[in-house]
């Protein structure tokens, strides 16, 4: 009897503990929900403020300096009423935000592409509970509530990207990868869009703007070049592969982020023995999206054909003795300071799952990459217009 009572007491305690945990989970989810709702609502609010400013400015456009006076007066009024968030700079940003996104929102409305079903926190039938239904732009705000997916601070970065396709790419990736504002800035300034585009077949460049970065095949993970500015190593200083490897391990999280999607770290200097000799793979990674090992060999100088042969041997060993039957073929990447595409093409078989990728220790010249990409896209469009 005593044992039964004890067991019953334990069950009651466990049940109560589980109940407490479930209640706590609801509160945690609610806090995340409220935080995300507030952040998205701020984007919608500033968009509407931007619309109202633009339309008011157009009424007095014949008067010189009207826009400047309007924003200054509005800033003083709103700051006195609400204290924070309505400086002249913020209001100018709101106006810029509206001009940058109004046309795309209009097209999304026409095509029925508002994503209200995926954003229950700000569905169009509830926006009046979050904002004020009496506002002149209520209909616009309902539409914006189903259109914007990120917080205001992200949009202050995104709205300044002039190229519509590039901007859309960074929007998709920011939402999908949950980038912070600082991560978004870093990816933009490192020219992620241009580097991915220039590493792809011309037919897939436009896909970046529609779908973001997709990893369906090995070549999808490549960038030209890989930017390792976060290592803090001087470009003109002499250093060994060991020093480069140590710097990467120290900044492993940043390195995996730069590599792209789905990478997991397994080992450094992975040893394997073959024919009574020991060999060491610099970095062994696994890509869960491609379901395969990714072996990285580091070179602190220019690529040589012997280096490619070494990586080929590593890949063959992993394919024959390490990978499981359900896994895809191993990928080899030779990460070098300078690469020569002609040597790669001449040295490797056409079906080799091995790639050479150059790295840079400083941020690339974004203007130069943009110009190169524009030329490439123009060539692609010219080719298709003649067919």
Protein backbone atom coordinates (compact mmCIF):
# COMPACT_ATOMS: atom_id res chain seq x y z
CA UNK A 1 0.00 0.00 0.00
CA UNK A 2 2.78 2.40 0.97
CA UNK A 3 4.59 1.61 -2.28
CA UNK A 4 1.47 2.32 -4.31
CA UNK A 5 1.02 5.68 -2.57
CA UNK A 6 4.66 6.53 -3.21
CA UNK A 7 4.34 5.64 -6.91
CA UNK A 8 1.15 7.67 -7.17
CA UNK A 9 2.88 10.64 -5.54
CA UNK A 10 5.76 10.39 -8.02
CA UNK A 11 3.28 10.27 -10.92
CA UNK A 12 1.50 13.36 -9.57
CA UNK A 13 4.83 15.22 -9.22
CA UNK A 14 5.90 14.24 -12.74
CA UNK A 15 2.52 15.26 -14.13
CA UNK A 16 2.68 18.60 -12.33
CA UNK A 17 6.25 19.22 -13.49
CA UNK A 18 5.24 18.43 -17.06
CA UNK A 19 2.30 20.80 -16.74
CA UNK A 20 4.55 23.58 -15.42
CA UNK A 21 6.95 23.01 -18.31
CA UNK A 22 4.15 23.21 -20.87
CA UNK A 23 2.86 26.46 -19.37
CA UNK A 24 6.39 27.90 -19.41
CA UNK A 25 6.74 26.84 -23.05
CA UNK A 26 3.54 28.71 -23.94
CA UNK A 27 4.90 31.87 -22.31
CA UNK A 28 8.24 31.54 -24.11
CA UNK A 29 6.49 31.11 -27.45
CA UNK A 30 4.19 34.03 -26.68
CA UNK A 31 7.17 36.29 -25.99
CA UNK A 32 8.78 35.32 -29.28
CA UNK A 33 5.44 35.85 -31.01
CA UNK A 34 4.97 39.32 -29.50
CA UNK A 35 8.56 40.30 -30.29
CA UNK A 36 8.27 39.23 -33.92
CA UNK A 37 4.85 40.85 -34.26
CA UNK A 38 6.15 44.15 -32.84
CA UNK A 39 9.18 44.09 -35.17
CA UNK A 40 7.07 43.41 -38.25
CA UNK A 41 4.48 45.97 -37.18
CA UNK A 42 7.22 48.60 -37.02
CA UNK A 43 8.09 47.87 -40.66
CA UNK A 44 4.44 48.26 -41.68
CA UNK A 45 4.12 51.44 -39.62
CA UNK A 46 7.15 53.11 -41.17
CA UNK A 47 5.99 52.09 -44.64
CA UNK A 48 2.67 53.82 -44.03
CA UNK A 49 4.38 56.88 -42.59
CA UNK A 50 6.57 56.99 -45.69
CA UNK A 51 3.49 56.82 -47.93
CA UNK A 52 1.80 59.67 -46.08
CA UNK A 53 4.92 61.83 -46.26
CA UNK A 54 5.36 61.25 -50.00
CA UNK A 55 1.71 62.08 -50.76
CA UNK A 56 1.82 65.19 -48.56
CA UNK A 57 5.03 66.36 -50.20
CA UNK A 58 3.44 65.96 -53.63
CA UNK A 59 0.66 68.34 -52.57
CA UNK A 60 3.19 71.06 -51.85
CA UNK A 61 5.83 70.18 -54.43
CA UNK A 62 5.70 73.65 -56.00
CA UNK A 63 7.04 75.15 -52.82
CA UNK A 64 10.82 75.02 -52.44
CA UNK A 65 12.05 73.23 -49.33
CA UNK A 66 8.55 72.02 -48.44
CA UNK A 67 9.65 68.41 -47.93
CA UNK A 68 12.45 69.39 -45.57
CA UNK A 69 10.15 71.63 -43.54
CA UNK A 70 7.46 68.95 -43.44
CA UNK A 71 9.76 66.25 -42.07
CA UNK A 72 11.33 68.59 -39.50
CA UNK A 73 7.91 69.70 -38.23
CA UNK A 74 6.55 66.16 -38.21
CA UNK A 75 9.61 64.94 -36.30
CA UNK A 76 9.15 67.59 -33.61
CA UNK A 77 5.46 66.79 -33.26
CA UNK A 78 5.86 63.00 -33.07
CA UNK A 79 8.86 63.16 -30.75
CA UNK A 80 6.92 65.36 -28.35
CA UNK A 81 4.02 62.90 -28.45
CA UNK A 82 5.84 59.52 -28.56
CA UNK A 83 9.39 60.41 -27.39
CA UNK A 84 11.51 57.94 -29.41
CA UNK A 85 11.70 56.58 -32.94
CA UNK A 86 10.71 59.60 -34.99
CA UNK A 87 13.87 61.58 -35.62
CA UNK A 88 14.26 63.37 -38.96
CA UNK A 89 16.63 60.59 -40.06
CA UNK A 90 14.06 57.90 -39.28
CA UNK A 91 11.32 59.77 -41.12
CA UNK A 92 13.57 60.23 -44.16
CA UNK A 93 14.25 56.50 -44.00
CA UNK A 94 10.50 55.85 -43.89
CA UNK A 95 10.02 57.95 -47.02
CA UNK A 96 12.87 56.14 -48.76
CA UNK A 97 11.45 52.80 -47.62
CA UNK A 98 8.12 53.57 -49.25
CA UNK A 99 9.66 54.68 -52.55
CA UNK A 100 11.88 51.58 -52.64
CA UNK A 101 9.09 49.05 -52.02
CA UNK A 102 5.79 50.61 -53.15
CA UNK A 103 5.97 49.33 -56.74
CA UNK A 104 6.80 45.79 -55.70
CA UNK A 105 4.00 45.78 -53.15
CA UNK A 106 1.60 46.97 -55.84
CA UNK A 107 2.67 44.15 -58.16
CA UNK A 108 2.36 41.60 -55.34
CA UNK A 109 -1.20 42.78 -54.68
CA UNK A 110 -2.08 42.52 -58.37
CA UNK A 111 -0.69 38.98 -58.54
CA UNK A 112 -2.25 37.89 -55.25
CA UNK A 113 1.14 37.16 -53.70
CA UNK A 114 0.57 38.51 -50.20
CA UNK A 115 1.71 35.97 -47.64
CA UNK A 116 -0.88 36.51 -44.95
CA UNK A 117 -1.46 32.80 -44.40
CA UNK A 118 2.14 32.42 -43.26
CA UNK A 119 2.00 35.40 -40.90
CA UNK A 120 -0.95 34.83 -38.55
CA UNK A 121 0.37 37.49 -36.17
CA UNK A 122 -0.43 40.23 -38.65
CA UNK A 123 -3.07 38.77 -40.92
CA UNK A 124 -5.00 41.40 -42.82
CA UNK A 125 -8.16 40.73 -40.82
CA UNK A 126 -6.26 41.50 -37.59
CA UNK A 127 -4.12 44.44 -38.58
CA UNK A 128 -6.71 46.80 -37.12
CA UNK A 129 -6.02 45.30 -33.69
CA UNK A 130 -2.33 46.10 -34.03
CA UNK A 131 -2.57 49.54 -35.59
CA UNK A 132 -5.29 52.17 -35.89
CA UNK A 133 -8.19 51.37 -38.20
CA UNK A 134 -9.01 55.04 -38.71
CA UNK A 135 -5.77 55.82 -40.56
CA UNK A 136 -6.21 57.03 -44.14
CA UNK A 137 -3.87 54.33 -45.41
CA UNK A 138 -5.56 51.43 -43.65
CA UNK A 139 -5.97 49.44 -46.87
CA UNK A 140 -2.34 50.00 -47.75
CA UNK A 141 -1.32 48.91 -44.28
CA UNK A 142 -3.35 45.71 -44.54
CA UNK A 143 -1.56 44.92 -47.77
CA UNK A 144 1.84 45.77 -46.31
CA UNK A 145 1.11 43.53 -43.32
CA UNK A 146 0.94 40.55 -45.66
CA UNK A 147 3.97 41.61 -47.65
CA UNK A 148 6.82 42.49 -45.29
CA UNK A 149 8.58 39.61 -43.57
CA UNK A 150 11.46 41.29 -41.71
CA UNK A 151 12.05 43.90 -39.04
CA UNK A 152 12.65 47.58 -39.60
CA UNK A 153 16.40 47.50 -38.94
CA UNK A 154 16.86 44.87 -41.67
CA UNK A 155 14.93 47.01 -44.13
CA UNK A 156 17.10 50.04 -43.42
CA UNK A 157 19.90 47.97 -45.00
CA UNK A 158 17.89 46.26 -47.73
CA UNK A 159 16.14 49.34 -49.10
CA UNK A 160 19.49 50.86 -50.09
CA UNK A 161 20.32 47.97 -52.42
CA UNK A 162 19.50 49.41 -55.83
CA UNK A 163 19.47 46.18 -57.84
CA UNK A 164 15.99 44.67 -57.35
CA UNK A 165 17.17 41.08 -57.93
CA UNK A 166 20.07 41.47 -55.51
CA UNK A 167 17.80 43.01 -52.87
CA UNK A 168 15.28 40.19 -53.23
CA UNK A 169 18.07 37.63 -52.82
CA UNK A 170 19.21 39.15 -49.53
CA UNK A 171 15.61 39.35 -48.29
CA UNK A 172 15.09 35.65 -48.92
CA UNK A 173 18.38 34.65 -47.30
CA UNK A 174 17.89 36.94 -44.28
CA UNK A 175 14.50 35.43 -43.53
CA UNK A 176 15.49 31.85 -44.28
CA UNK A 177 18.80 31.89 -42.39
CA UNK A 178 17.56 34.23 -39.63
CA UNK A 179 20.47 36.61 -40.17
CA UNK A 180 21.02 39.38 -37.70
CA UNK A 181 21.43 42.89 -39.10
CA UNK A 182 25.20 42.61 -38.69
CA UNK A 183 25.27 39.27 -40.55
CA UNK A 184 23.19 40.79 -43.35
CA UNK A 185 25.60 43.71 -43.63
CA UNK A 186 28.58 41.40 -43.70
CA UNK A 187 27.11 39.21 -46.43
CA UNK A 188 26.17 42.25 -48.49
CA UNK A 189 29.55 43.96 -48.16
CA UNK A 190 31.30 40.68 -48.97
CA UNK A 191 29.31 40.64 -52.26
CA UNK A 192 27.72 37.27 -51.56
CA UNK A 193 25.15 37.71 -54.35
CA UNK A 194 27.73 38.58 -57.00
CA UNK A 195 30.13 35.83 -55.91
CA UNK A 196 27.40 33.19 -56.02
CA UNK A 197 26.10 34.44 -59.37
CA UNK A 198 29.56 34.45 -60.96
CA UNK A 199 30.14 30.90 -59.72
CA UNK A 200 27.02 29.56 -61.43
CA UNK A 201 25.80 28.70 -64.85
CA UNK A 202 24.26 31.76 -66.50
CA UNK A 203 20.89 30.00 -66.65
CA UNK A 204 20.81 29.88 -62.83
CA UNK A 205 21.70 33.49 -62.08
CA UNK A 206 18.06 34.66 -62.17
CA UNK A 207 17.10 31.80 -59.88
CA UNK A 208 19.03 33.45 -57.03
CA UNK A 209 16.56 36.34 -56.95
CA UNK A 210 13.55 34.00 -57.00
CA UNK A 211 14.68 31.32 -54.56
CA UNK A 212 17.81 32.55 -52.78
CA UNK A 213 20.77 30.23 -52.41
CA UNK A 214 19.78 26.63 -53.19
CA UNK A 215 22.11 23.67 -52.69
CA UNK A 216 21.03 20.87 -55.00
CA UNK A 217 24.43 19.87 -56.40
CA UNK A 218 28.10 20.31 -55.42
CA UNK A 219 28.73 23.35 -57.61
CA UNK A 220 25.94 25.25 -55.82
CA UNK A 221 28.13 25.65 -52.74
CA UNK A 222 30.94 27.43 -54.59
CA UNK A 223 31.64 31.16 -54.41
CA UNK A 224 34.19 33.16 -56.35
CA UNK A 225 36.13 34.03 -54.26
CA UNK A 226 35.62 32.74 -50.72
CA UNK A 227 36.05 35.80 -48.47
CA UNK A 228 37.96 35.16 -45.22
CA UNK A 229 38.33 38.75 -44.04
CA UNK A 230 37.13 37.74 -40.55
CA UNK A 231 40.40 35.84 -39.97
CA UNK A 232 42.22 39.14 -39.47
CA UNK A 233 45.24 38.04 -41.51
CA UNK A 234 47.15 40.56 -43.61
CA UNK A 235 46.97 39.90 -47.34
CA UNK A 236 50.61 40.73 -48.00
CA UNK A 237 52.04 38.83 -45.01
CA UNK A 238 53.73 35.46 -45.41
CA UNK A 239 51.97 32.61 -43.62
CA UNK A 240 51.83 28.83 -43.71
CA UNK A 241 48.92 26.48 -44.31
CA UNK A 242 49.09 25.63 -40.60
CA UNK A 243 48.64 29.26 -39.60
CA UNK A 244 45.74 29.59 -42.04
CA UNK A 245 44.15 26.42 -40.66
CA UNK A 246 44.55 27.59 -37.05
CA UNK A 247 42.93 30.92 -37.91
CA UNK A 248 39.98 29.13 -39.55
CA UNK A 249 39.47 26.85 -36.54
CA UNK A 250 39.52 29.88 -34.23
CA UNK A 251 36.80 31.49 -36.34
CA UNK A 252 35.02 28.26 -37.26
CA UNK A 253 31.47 29.61 -36.94
CA UNK A 254 32.27 32.50 -39.31
CA UNK A 255 34.01 30.10 -41.70
CA UNK A 256 31.01 27.76 -41.87
CA UNK A 257 28.71 30.75 -42.44
CA UNK A 258 30.90 31.90 -45.32
CA UNK A 259 30.95 28.40 -46.83
CA UNK A 260 27.17 28.41 -47.02
CA UNK A 261 24.26 26.16 -46.14
CA UNK A 262 24.25 22.81 -44.40
CA UNK A 263 27.89 22.49 -43.36
CA UNK A 264 28.89 20.56 -40.24
CA UNK A 265 32.44 20.32 -38.91
CA UNK A 266 33.87 16.87 -38.23
CA UNK A 267 37.67 17.07 -37.88
CA UNK A 268 40.89 18.87 -38.65
CA UNK A 269 44.03 17.03 -39.76
CA UNK A 270 41.96 13.86 -40.17
CA UNK A 271 44.40 10.97 -40.38
CA UNK A 272 43.98 7.89 -42.54
CA UNK A 273 46.47 5.17 -43.38
CA UNK A 274 46.85 3.55 -46.77
CA UNK A 275 49.61 1.31 -48.11
CA UNK A 276 51.43 1.68 -44.76
CA UNK A 277 51.57 5.48 -45.14
CA UNK A 278 49.67 8.10 -43.17
CA UNK A 279 47.89 11.02 -44.78
CA UNK A 280 46.15 14.02 -43.21
CA UNK A 281 43.13 15.89 -44.54
CA UNK A 282 43.22 19.55 -43.44
CA UNK A 283 39.47 19.94 -42.82
CA UNK A 284 36.74 17.31 -42.93
CA UNK A 285 33.20 18.68 -43.14
CA UNK A 286 29.82 17.15 -43.86
CA UNK A 287 27.03 18.79 -45.83
CA UNK A 288 23.65 17.59 -44.59
CA UNK A 289 21.79 19.03 -47.61
CA UNK A 290 23.92 17.14 -50.13
CA UNK A 291 24.44 14.22 -47.70
CA UNK A 292 28.13 13.89 -48.37
CA UNK A 293 31.59 14.49 -46.96
CA UNK A 294 33.39 17.67 -48.02
CA UNK A 295 37.18 17.57 -47.77
CA UNK A 296 39.07 20.86 -47.80
CA UNK A 297 42.78 21.12 -48.50
CA UNK A 298 44.39 24.49 -47.78
CA UNK A 299 47.12 26.14 -49.87
CA UNK A 300 48.68 29.45 -48.88
CA UNK A 301 49.95 30.12 -52.39
CA UNK A 302 49.05 29.37 -56.01
CA UNK A 303 47.49 26.10 -57.09
CA UNK A 304 49.67 23.35 -58.59
CA UNK A 305 48.60 20.21 -60.42
CA UNK A 306 50.18 18.05 -57.68
CA UNK A 307 47.79 19.61 -55.18
CA UNK A 308 44.80 18.52 -57.24
CA UNK A 309 46.16 14.97 -57.44
CA UNK A 310 46.46 14.87 -53.66
CA UNK A 311 42.86 15.99 -53.15
CA UNK A 312 41.73 13.42 -55.74
CA UNK A 313 43.41 10.69 -53.67
CA UNK A 314 41.71 11.90 -50.48
CA UNK A 315 38.31 11.88 -52.19
CA UNK A 316 38.84 8.40 -53.62
CA UNK A 317 39.80 7.07 -50.18
CA UNK A 318 36.70 8.49 -48.50
CA UNK A 319 34.44 7.21 -51.28
CA UNK A 320 35.85 3.69 -51.04
CA UNK A 321 36.45 3.26 -47.31
CA UNK A 322 34.52 5.88 -45.34
CA UNK A 323 31.22 6.89 -46.92
CA UNK A 324 28.10 4.80 -46.39
CA UNK A 325 26.00 3.39 -49.20
CA UNK A 326 23.21 5.89 -48.63
CA UNK A 327 25.59 8.88 -48.83
CA UNK A 328 26.46 10.84 -51.96
CA UNK A 329 29.98 10.92 -53.45
CA UNK A 330 32.60 12.86 -51.50
CA UNK A 331 33.42 16.40 -52.60
CA UNK A 332 36.96 17.78 -52.58
CA UNK A 333 37.73 21.50 -52.44
CA UNK A 334 41.22 22.87 -52.85
CA UNK A 335 41.16 26.28 -51.18
CA UNK A 336 44.07 28.29 -52.55
CA UNK A 337 45.28 31.87 -52.69
CA UNK A 338 45.49 31.80 -56.48
CA UNK A 339 43.77 29.36 -58.78
CA UNK A 340 44.25 28.59 -62.46
CA UNK A 341 41.17 27.22 -64.22
CA UNK A 342 43.25 25.87 -67.10
CA UNK A 343 45.36 23.73 -64.77
CA UNK A 344 42.22 22.43 -63.07
CA UNK A 345 40.63 21.52 -66.39
CA UNK A 346 43.76 19.81 -67.69
CA UNK A 347 44.58 17.89 -64.50
CA UNK A 348 41.21 16.53 -63.41
CA UNK A 349 38.86 14.10 -65.19
CA UNK A 350 35.69 15.81 -66.40
CA UNK A 351 33.55 13.85 -63.95
CA UNK A 352 35.78 14.51 -60.93
CA UNK A 353 33.91 15.76 -57.89
CA UNK A 354 36.74 18.18 -57.07
CA UNK A 355 36.80 21.95 -57.21
CA UNK A 356 39.41 24.64 -56.81
CA UNK A 357 38.28 27.81 -55.09
CA UNK A 358 40.30 30.96 -54.51
CA UNK A 359 40.05 32.77 -51.19
CA UNK A 360 40.55 36.40 -50.31
CA UNK A 361 41.62 37.82 -46.96
CA UNK A 362 39.88 41.13 -47.60
CA UNK A 363 36.49 42.22 -48.89
CA UNK A 364 36.35 42.19 -52.70
CA UNK A 365 35.77 45.27 -54.83
CA UNK A 366 31.96 45.24 -54.93
CA UNK A 367 31.75 47.73 -57.81
CA UNK A 368 34.05 45.58 -59.93
CA UNK A 369 32.04 42.42 -59.23
CA UNK A 370 28.77 44.22 -59.99
CA UNK A 371 30.15 45.43 -63.30
CA UNK A 372 31.37 41.94 -64.20
CA UNK A 373 28.01 40.40 -63.31
CA UNK A 374 26.12 43.02 -65.31
CA UNK A 375 28.24 42.25 -68.38
CA UNK A 376 27.66 38.53 -67.88
CA UNK A 377 23.89 38.92 -67.59
CA UNK A 378 23.81 41.18 -70.65
CA UNK A 379 25.67 38.55 -72.66
CA UNK A 380 23.17 35.94 -71.48
CA UNK A 381 20.19 38.12 -72.49
CA UNK A 382 21.77 38.93 -75.87
CA UNK A 383 22.31 35.23 -76.56
CA UNK A 384 18.67 34.38 -75.78
CA UNK A 385 17.22 37.36 -77.65
CA UNK A 386 18.77 36.06 -80.89
CA UNK A 387 17.31 32.58 -80.52
